Amino acid sequence: MSPTLGIASFAVGAATALLLMALAIAPFLTPQWVAFEQDRADAAAWTGFTPADLRSATDAILADLVLGPPDFDVAVNGAPVLSEAERSHMRDVRGVFAGFYAAATVGLVVVIAGRVAARASRSWTRIRFWRAVRGGAVVTAAGIAVAGVIAAVAFDAAFEVFHRLFFAAGTYNFDPRTARLVQLFPDAFWSETSIAVGAVIFALGIATIAVATRRLRSAADSGIVAGALSPVAR
């Protein structure tokens, strides 16, 4: 394989992994999921908010996170829900999400371009494309399986490592007795949401592997037939 083709295959594989994670995470950024999981985590009891105030505060924070602008200045009964330190952290969180989805958008372009090029090329190029897609899905599914095992036995440590990777030290530690951000999204919220996200990523990875494997077989069969009918083969 030439260096150019190797880079292209790596790019398609990496893009596939990004897209699988982006697709899996998106449903968990909806008010419906957040409300469901907050109820399970008893966020109303933690915050002392009425159900209506809890929904109003949470939906405003979620809208600022997903749609912007990232003010995070929602108030309940005239009092700001989040402190300035909490708002600053949420702006950092939005920056991470924005960067991730920008990368996923580039990944989508890469996969589409690779697919278009593969369709217009010989069967061996289609084979290379689907191998790259399958490879990205295999790495994603395997990686999330390993991460799931680690989280199952040491979720707090894994959560801390994640924050250290993406946020400056001291910007994400809050006292659950006073910090509304922690009360709105208790530990149980994050542990169950993480499990659900991981399960969806894994399922999408397995489904992508299955699709890519079928396409590989089809491309290989096409290559055999084309080779048998070509003037060179005859």
C-alpha atoms as a PDB file:
ATOM      1  CA  MET A   1       0.000   0.000   0.000  1.00  0.00           C
ATOM      2  CA  SER A   2       1.334   3.423  -0.943  1.00  0.00           C
ATOM      3  CA  PRO A   3       1.744   6.047   1.805  1.00  0.00           C
ATOM      4  CA  THR A   4      -1.109   8.098   0.310  1.00  0.00           C
ATOM      5  CA  LEU A   5      -3.499   5.156   0.350  1.00  0.00           C
ATOM      6  CA  GLY A   6      -2.381   4.271   3.850  1.00  0.00           C
ATOM      7  CA  ILE A   7      -3.112   7.787   5.078  1.00  0.00           C
ATOM      8  CA  ALA A   8      -6.487   7.735   3.324  1.00  0.00           C
ATOM      9  CA  SER A   9      -7.407   4.418   4.934  1.00  0.00           C
ATOM     10  CA  PHE A  10      -6.373   5.698   8.359  1.00  0.00           C
ATOM     11  CA  ALA A  11      -8.401   8.875   7.836  1.00  0.00           C
ATOM     12  CA  VAL A  12     -11.516   6.895   6.904  1.00  0.00           C
ATOM     13  CA  GLY A  13     -11.090   4.600   9.905  1.00  0.00           C
ATOM     14  CA  ALA A  14     -10.588   7.497  12.318  1.00  0.00           C
ATOM     15  CA  ALA A  15     -13.523   9.359  10.786  1.00  0.00           C
ATOM     16  CA  THR A  16     -15.718   6.290  11.231  1.00  0.00           C
ATOM     17  CA  ALA A  17     -14.838   6.146  14.922  1.00  0.00           C
ATOM     18  CA  LEU A  18     -15.641   9.842  15.376  1.00  0.00           C
ATOM     19  CA  LEU A  19     -18.975   9.513  13.604  1.00  0.00           C
ATOM     20  CA  LEU A  20     -20.014   6.495  15.656  1.00  0.00           C
ATOM     21  CA  MET A  21     -19.336   8.359  18.895  1.00  0.00           C
ATOM     22  CA  ALA A  22     -21.003  11.553  17.678  1.00  0.00           C
ATOM     23  CA  LEU A  23     -24.135   9.669  16.631  1.00  0.00           C
ATOM     24  CA  ALA A  24     -24.256   7.797  19.931  1.00  0.00           C
ATOM     25  CA  ILE A  25     -23.852  10.882  22.123  1.00  0.00           C
ATOM     26  CA  ALA A  26     -26.408  13.107  20.369  1.00  0.00           C
ATOM     27  CA  PRO A  27     -29.587  11.478  21.811  1.00  0.00           C
ATOM     28  CA  PHE A  28     -28.272  11.954  25.338  1.00  0.00           C
ATOM     29  CA  LEU A  29     -28.088  15.730  24.880  1.00  0.00           C
ATOM     30  CA  THR A  30     -31.870  15.960  24.568  1.00  0.00           C
ATOM     31  CA  PRO A  31     -34.210  17.298  27.279  1.00  0.00           C
ATOM     32  CA  GLN A  32     -36.104  13.999  27.230  1.00  0.00           C
ATOM     33  CA  TRP A  33     -33.119  11.905  28.250  1.00  0.00           C
ATOM     34  CA  VAL A  34     -31.833  14.437  30.768  1.00  0.00           C
ATOM     35  CA  ALA A  35     -35.258  14.692  32.448  1.00  0.00           C
ATOM     36  CA  PHE A  36     -35.582  10.903  32.570  1.00  0.00           C
ATOM     37  CA  GLU A  37     -32.160  10.434  34.127  1.00  0.00           C
ATOM     38  CA  GLN A  38     -32.544  13.353  36.552  1.00  0.00           C
ATOM     39  CA  ASP A  39     -35.704  11.716  37.870  1.00  0.00           C
ATOM     40  CA  ARG A  40     -33.808   8.476  38.402  1.00  0.00           C
ATOM     41  CA  ALA A  41     -30.966  10.360  40.133  1.00  0.00           C
ATOM     42  CA  ASP A  42     -33.465  12.300  42.313  1.00  0.00           C
ATOM     43  CA  ALA A  43     -32.090  15.667  41.244  1.00  0.00           C
ATOM     44  CA  ALA A  44     -35.186  17.449  42.579  1.00  0.00           C
ATOM     45  CA  ALA A  45     -34.370  16.297  46.104  1.00  0.00           C
ATOM     46  CA  TRP A  46     -30.729  17.319  45.727  1.00  0.00           C
ATOM     47  CA  THR A  47     -31.583  20.811  44.502  1.00  0.00           C
ATOM     48  CA  GLY A  48     -34.758  21.426  46.465  1.00  0.00           C
ATOM     49  CA  PHE A  49     -36.355  22.733  43.261  1.00  0.00           C
ATOM     50  CA  THR A  50     -39.932  22.079  42.309  1.00  0.00           C
ATOM     51  CA  PRO A  51     -40.328  19.842  39.251  1.00  0.00           C
ATOM     52  CA  ALA A  52     -41.186  22.898  37.135  1.00  0.00           C
ATOM     53  CA  ASP A  53     -38.152  24.858  38.371  1.00  0.00           C
ATOM     54  CA  LEU A  54     -35.917  21.828  37.848  1.00  0.00           C
ATOM     55  CA  ARG A  55     -37.057  21.492  34.242  1.00  0.00           C
ATOM     56  CA  SER A  56     -36.775  25.224  33.580  1.00  0.00           C
ATOM     57  CA  ALA A  57     -33.227  25.429  34.952  1.00  0.00           C
ATOM     58  CA  THR A  58     -32.015  22.247  33.307  1.00  0.00           C
ATOM     59  CA  ASP A  59     -33.552  22.977  29.903  1.00  0.00           C
ATOM     60  CA  ALA A  60     -31.958  26.443  29.885  1.00  0.00           C
ATOM     61  CA  ILE A  61     -28.532  25.008  30.732  1.00  0.00           C
ATOM     62  CA  LEU A  62     -28.920  22.328  28.074  1.00  0.00           C
ATOM     63  CA  ALA A  63     -29.978  24.894  25.465  1.00  0.00           C
ATOM     64  CA  ASP A  64     -26.930  27.035  26.258  1.00  0.00           C
ATOM     65  CA  LEU A  65     -24.733  23.954  25.953  1.00  0.00           C
ATOM     66  CA  VAL A  66     -26.115  22.689  22.641  1.00  0.00           C
ATOM     67  CA  LEU A  67     -27.342  25.823  20.884  1.00  0.00           C
ATOM     68  CA  GLY A  68     -25.687  28.723  22.681  1.00  0.00           C
ATOM     69  CA  PRO A  69     -24.887  31.404  23.409  1.00  0.00           C
ATOM     70  CA  PRO A  70     -23.013  29.829  26.346  1.00  0.00           C
ATOM     71  CA  ASP A  71     -24.183  32.235  29.046  1.00  0.00           C
ATOM     72  CA  PHE A  72     -25.462  29.618  31.525  1.00  0.00           C
ATOM     73  CA  ASP A  73     -27.087  32.445  33.463  1.00  0.00           C
ATOM     74  CA  VAL A  74     -30.489  30.874  34.137  1.00  0.00           C
ATOM     75  CA  ALA A  75     -32.145  32.007  37.371  1.00  0.00           C
ATOM     76  CA  VAL A  76     -34.831  30.453  39.573  1.00  0.00           C
ATOM     77  CA  ASN A  77     -36.947  32.833  41.640  1.00  0.00           C
ATOM     78  CA  GLY A  78     -34.553  35.624  40.743  1.00  0.00           C
ATOM     79  CA  ALA A  79     -31.458  33.787  42.030  1.00  0.00           C
ATOM     80  CA  PRO A  80     -28.755  32.543  39.612  1.00  0.00           C
ATOM     81  CA  VAL A  81     -28.688  28.767  39.501  1.00  0.00           C
ATOM     82  CA  LEU A  82     -24.970  28.468  38.756  1.00  0.00           C
ATOM     83  CA  SER A  83     -22.060  30.286  40.325  1.00  0.00           C
ATOM     84  CA  GLU A  84     -19.503  32.012  38.133  1.00  0.00           C
ATOM     85  CA  ALA A  85     -17.110  29.069  38.613  1.00  0.00           C
ATOM     86  CA  GLU A  86     -19.815  26.661  37.498  1.00  0.00           C
ATOM     87  CA  ARG A  87     -20.688  28.814  34.492  1.00  0.00           C
ATOM     88  CA  SER A  88     -17.022  28.937  33.554  1.00  0.00           C
ATOM     89  CA  HIS A  89     -16.812  25.162  33.692  1.00  0.00           C
ATOM     90  CA  MET A  90     -19.896  24.813  31.525  1.00  0.00           C
ATOM     91  CA  ARG A  91     -18.342  27.132  28.950  1.00  0.00           C
ATOM     92  CA  ASP A  92     -15.315  24.832  28.962  1.00  0.00           C
ATOM     93  CA  VAL A  93     -17.627  21.845  28.498  1.00  0.00           C
ATOM     94  CA  ARG A  94     -19.283  23.536  25.543  1.00  0.00           C
ATOM     95  CA  GLY A  95     -15.867  24.171  24.024  1.00  0.00           C
ATOM     96  CA  VAL A  96     -15.035  20.472  24.257  1.00  0.00           C
ATOM     97  CA  PHE A  97     -18.345  19.495  22.656  1.00  0.00           C
ATOM     98  CA  ALA A  98     -17.950  22.101  19.915  1.00  0.00           C
ATOM     99  CA  GLY A  99     -14.459  20.838  19.109  1.00  0.00           C
ATOM    100  CA  PHE A 100     -15.614  17.228  19.103  1.00  0.00           C
ATOM    101  CA  TYR A 101     -18.562  17.834  16.790  1.00  0.00           C
ATOM    102  CA  ALA A 102     -16.443  20.008  14.507  1.00  0.00           C
ATOM    103  CA  ALA A 103     -14.042  17.069  14.202  1.00  0.00           C
ATOM    104  CA  ALA A 104     -16.992  14.724  13.602  1.00  0.00           C
ATOM    105  CA  THR A 105     -18.222  17.016  10.816  1.00  0.00           C
ATOM    106  CA  VAL A 106     -14.820  16.805   9.154  1.00  0.00           C
ATOM    107  CA  GLY A 107     -15.039  13.047   9.637  1.00  0.00           C
ATOM    108  CA  LEU A 108     -18.373  12.972   7.855  1.00  0.00           C
ATOM    109  CA  VAL A 109     -16.832  14.796   4.896  1.00  0.00           C
ATOM    110  CA  VAL A 110     -13.940  12.316   4.846  1.00  0.00           C
ATOM    111  CA  VAL A 111     -16.247   9.289   4.867  1.00  0.00           C
ATOM    112  CA  ILE A 112     -18.501  10.729   2.170  1.00  0.00           C
ATOM    113  CA  ALA A 113     -15.508  11.622  -0.006  1.00  0.00           C
ATOM    114  CA  GLY A 114     -14.041   8.171   0.509  1.00  0.00           C
ATOM    115  CA  ARG A 115     -17.326   6.519  -0.362  1.00  0.00           C
ATOM    116  CA  VAL A 116     -17.755   8.586  -3.533  1.00  0.00           C
ATOM    117  CA  ALA A 117     -14.199   7.817  -4.602  1.00  0.00           C
ATOM    118  CA  ALA A 118     -14.678   4.122  -3.872  1.00  0.00           C
ATOM    119  CA  ARG A 119     -17.899   3.924  -5.899  1.00  0.00           C
ATOM    120  CA  ALA A 120     -16.170   5.501  -8.882  1.00  0.00           C
ATOM    121  CA  SER A 121     -13.140   3.206  -8.678  1.00  0.00           C
ATOM    122  CA  ARG A 122     -12.245  -0.414  -9.135  1.00  0.00           C
ATOM    123  CA  SER A 123     -13.400  -3.126  -6.742  1.00  0.00           C
ATOM    124  CA  TRP A 124     -10.075  -3.225  -4.878  1.00  0.00           C
ATOM    125  CA  THR A 125     -10.550   0.453  -3.948  1.00  0.00           C
ATOM    126  CA  ARG A 126     -14.017  -0.291  -2.599  1.00  0.00           C
ATOM    127  CA  ILE A 127     -12.520  -3.139  -0.629  1.00  0.00           C
ATOM    128  CA  ARG A 128      -9.931  -0.821   0.878  1.00  0.00           C
ATOM    129  CA  PHE A 129     -12.643   1.705   1.819  1.00  0.00           C
ATOM    130  CA  TRP A 130     -14.841  -0.833   3.570  1.00  0.00           C
ATOM    131  CA  ARG A 131     -11.847  -2.378   5.314  1.00  0.00           C
ATOM    132  CA  ALA A 132     -11.036   1.062   6.707  1.00  0.00           C
ATOM    133  CA  VAL A 133     -14.633   1.569   7.843  1.00  0.00           C
ATOM    134  CA  ARG A 134     -14.692  -1.854   9.469  1.00  0.00           C
ATOM    135  CA  GLY A 135     -11.336  -1.241  11.116  1.00  0.00           C
ATOM    136  CA  GLY A 136     -12.561   2.034  12.619  1.00  0.00           C
ATOM    137  CA  ALA A 137     -15.698   0.307  13.906  1.00  0.00           C
ATOM    138  CA  VAL A 138     -13.714  -2.599  15.370  1.00  0.00           C
ATOM    139  CA  VAL A 139     -11.370  -0.251  17.229  1.00  0.00           C
ATOM    140  CA  THR A 140     -14.333   1.777  18.502  1.00  0.00           C
ATOM    141  CA  ALA A 141     -16.291  -1.242  19.718  1.00  0.00           C
ATOM    142  CA  ALA A 142     -13.235  -2.808  21.338  1.00  0.00           C
ATOM    143  CA  GLY A 143     -12.174   0.463  22.921  1.00  0.00           C
ATOM    144  CA  ILE A 144     -15.589   1.139  24.406  1.00  0.00           C
ATOM    145  CA  ALA A 145     -15.764  -2.424  25.718  1.00  0.00           C
ATOM    146  CA  VAL A 146     -12.459  -1.963  27.537  1.00  0.00           C
ATOM    147  CA  ALA A 147     -13.556   1.457  28.803  1.00  0.00           C
ATOM    148  CA  GLY A 148     -16.793  -0.088  30.050  1.00  0.00           C
ATOM    149  CA  VAL A 149     -14.934  -2.700  32.075  1.00  0.00           C
ATOM    150  CA  ILE A 150     -12.704  -0.023  33.594  1.00  0.00           C
ATOM    151  CA  ALA A 151     -15.682   2.211  34.401  1.00  0.00           C
ATOM    152  CA  ALA A 152     -17.552  -0.708  35.974  1.00  0.00           C
ATOM    153  CA  VAL A 153     -14.817  -1.283  38.533  1.00  0.00           C
ATOM    154  CA  ALA A 154     -13.479   2.272  38.915  1.00  0.00           C
ATOM    155  CA  PHE A 155     -16.002   4.789  37.599  1.00  0.00           C
ATOM    156  CA  ASP A 156     -14.894   7.647  39.865  1.00  0.00           C
ATOM    157  CA  ALA A 157     -11.266   7.237  38.824  1.00  0.00           C
ATOM    158  CA  ALA A 158     -12.213   7.056  35.125  1.00  0.00           C
ATOM    159  CA  PHE A 159     -14.409  10.154  35.491  1.00  0.00           C
ATOM    160  CA  GLU A 160     -11.519  12.015  37.107  1.00  0.00           C
ATOM    161  CA  VAL A 161      -9.087  10.994  34.362  1.00  0.00           C
ATOM    162  CA  PHE A 162     -11.551  12.167  31.716  1.00  0.00           C
ATOM    163  CA  HIS A 163     -11.806  15.589  33.358  1.00  0.00           C
ATOM    164  CA  ARG A 164      -8.041  15.887  33.725  1.00  0.00           C
ATOM    165  CA  LEU A 165      -7.626  15.217  30.010  1.00  0.00           C
ATOM    166  CA  PHE A 166     -10.006  17.964  28.911  1.00  0.00           C
ATOM    167  CA  PHE A 167     -10.170  20.552  31.688  1.00  0.00           C
ATOM    168  CA  ALA A 168      -7.691  22.557  33.712  1.00  0.00           C
ATOM    169  CA  ALA A 169      -7.049  21.375  37.254  1.00  0.00           C
ATOM    170  CA  GLY A 170      -9.261  23.026  39.829  1.00  0.00           C
ATOM    171  CA  THR A 171     -11.934  24.121  37.362  1.00  0.00           C
ATOM    172  CA  TYR A 172     -14.250  21.127  37.721  1.00  0.00           C
ATOM    173  CA  ASN A 173     -14.281  20.253  41.422  1.00  0.00           C
ATOM    174  CA  PHE A 174     -17.427  21.442  43.211  1.00  0.00           C
ATOM    175  CA  ASP A 175     -18.945  20.803  46.627  1.00  0.00           C
ATOM    176  CA  PRO A 176     -22.171  18.803  46.167  1.00  0.00           C
ATOM    177  CA  ARG A 177     -23.580  20.401  49.317  1.00  0.00           C
ATOM    178  CA  THR A 178     -23.656  23.834  47.700  1.00  0.00           C
ATOM    179  CA  ALA A 179     -22.944  23.537  43.964  1.00  0.00           C
ATOM    180  CA  ARG A 180     -26.128  23.409  41.907  1.00  0.00           C
ATOM    181  CA  LEU A 181     -24.265  21.953  38.940  1.00  0.00           C
ATOM    182  CA  VAL A 182     -23.480  18.799  40.916  1.00  0.00           C
ATOM    183  CA  GLN A 183     -26.957  18.704  42.422  1.00  0.00           C
ATOM    184  CA  LEU A 184     -28.616  19.024  39.021  1.00  0.00           C
ATOM    185  CA  PHE A 185     -26.444  16.240  37.620  1.00  0.00           C
ATOM    186  CA  PRO A 186     -25.594  13.871  40.501  1.00  0.00           C
ATOM    187  CA  ASP A 187     -23.126  11.001  40.277  1.00  0.00           C
ATOM    188  CA  ALA A 188     -25.912   8.545  39.497  1.00  0.00           C
ATOM    189  CA  PHE A 189     -26.867  10.659  36.477  1.00  0.00           C
ATOM    190  CA  TRP A 190     -23.355  10.441  35.050  1.00  0.00           C
ATOM    191  CA  SER A 191     -22.770   6.768  35.804  1.00  0.00           C
ATOM    192  CA  GLU A 192     -26.017   5.620  34.176  1.00  0.00           C
ATOM    193  CA  THR A 193     -25.669   8.004  31.246  1.00  0.00           C
ATOM    194  CA  SER A 194     -22.109   6.813  30.641  1.00  0.00           C
ATOM    195  CA  ILE A 195     -23.278   3.197  30.602  1.00  0.00           C
ATOM    196  CA  ALA A 196     -26.074   4.033  28.159  1.00  0.00           C
ATOM    197  CA  VAL A 197     -23.771   6.015  25.848  1.00  0.00           C
ATOM    198  CA  GLY A 198     -21.224   3.208  25.892  1.00  0.00           C
ATOM    199  CA  ALA A 199     -23.886   0.632  25.053  1.00  0.00           C
ATOM    200  CA  VAL A 200     -25.112   2.674  22.089  1.00  0.00           C
ATOM    201  CA  ILE A 201     -21.559   3.224  20.790  1.00  0.00           C
ATOM    202  CA  PHE A 202     -20.872  -0.505  21.061  1.00  0.00           C
ATOM    203  CA  ALA A 203     -24.128  -1.398  19.282  1.00  0.00           C
ATOM    204  CA  LEU A 204     -23.441   1.071  16.471  1.00  0.00           C
ATOM    205  CA  GLY A 205     -19.917  -0.316  16.154  1.00  0.00           C
ATOM    206  CA  ILE A 206     -21.172  -3.900  15.828  1.00  0.00           C
ATOM    207  CA  ALA A 207     -23.815  -2.834  13.290  1.00  0.00           C
ATOM    208  CA  THR A 208     -21.195  -0.974  11.247  1.00  0.00           C
ATOM    209  CA  ILE A 209     -18.888  -3.993  11.305  1.00  0.00           C
ATOM    210  CA  ALA A 210     -21.711  -6.150   9.969  1.00  0.00           C
ATOM    211  CA  VAL A 211     -22.552  -3.714   7.166  1.00  0.00           C
ATOM    212  CA  ALA A 212     -18.906  -3.237   6.193  1.00  0.00           C
ATOM    213  CA  THR A 213     -18.316  -6.985   6.152  1.00  0.00           C
ATOM    214  CA  ARG A 214     -21.254  -7.507   3.780  1.00  0.00           C
ATOM    215  CA  ARG A 215     -20.010  -4.717   1.527  1.00  0.00           C
ATOM    216  CA  LEU A 216     -16.525  -6.231   1.548  1.00  0.00           C
ATOM    217  CA  ARG A 217     -17.887  -9.557   0.367  1.00  0.00           C
ATOM    218  CA  SER A 218     -19.907  -7.848  -2.350  1.00  0.00           C
ATOM    219  CA  ALA A 219     -16.890  -5.834  -3.510  1.00  0.00           C
ATOM    220  CA  ALA A 220     -14.707  -8.929  -3.505  1.00  0.00           C
ATOM    221  CA  ASP A 221     -17.255 -10.873  -5.559  1.00  0.00           C
ATOM    222  CA  SER A 222     -17.500  -7.984  -8.026  1.00  0.00           C
ATOM    223  CA  GLY A 223     -13.738  -7.973  -8.371  1.00  0.00           C
ATOM    224  CA  ILE A 224     -13.657 -11.708  -9.109  1.00  0.00           C
ATOM    225  CA  VAL A 225     -16.369 -11.414 -11.768  1.00  0.00           C
ATOM    226  CA  ALA A 226     -14.778  -8.362 -13.366  1.00  0.00           C
ATOM    227  CA  GLY A 227     -11.438 -10.092 -13.418  1.00  0.00           C
ATOM    228  CA  ALA A 228     -12.906 -13.177 -15.020  1.00  0.00           C
ATOM    229  CA  LEU A 229     -14.551 -11.137 -17.779  1.00  0.00           C
ATOM    230  CA  SER A 230     -11.677  -8.765 -18.488  1.00  0.00           C
ATOM    231  CA  PRO A 231      -9.611  -9.131 -21.691  1.00  0.00           C
ATOM    232  CA  VAL A 232      -6.505  -9.700 -19.585  1.00  0.00           C
ATOM    233  CA  ALA A 233      -8.161 -12.552 -17.742  1.00  0.00           C
ATOM    234  CA  ARG A 234      -9.286 -14.125 -21.000  1.00  0.00           C
END
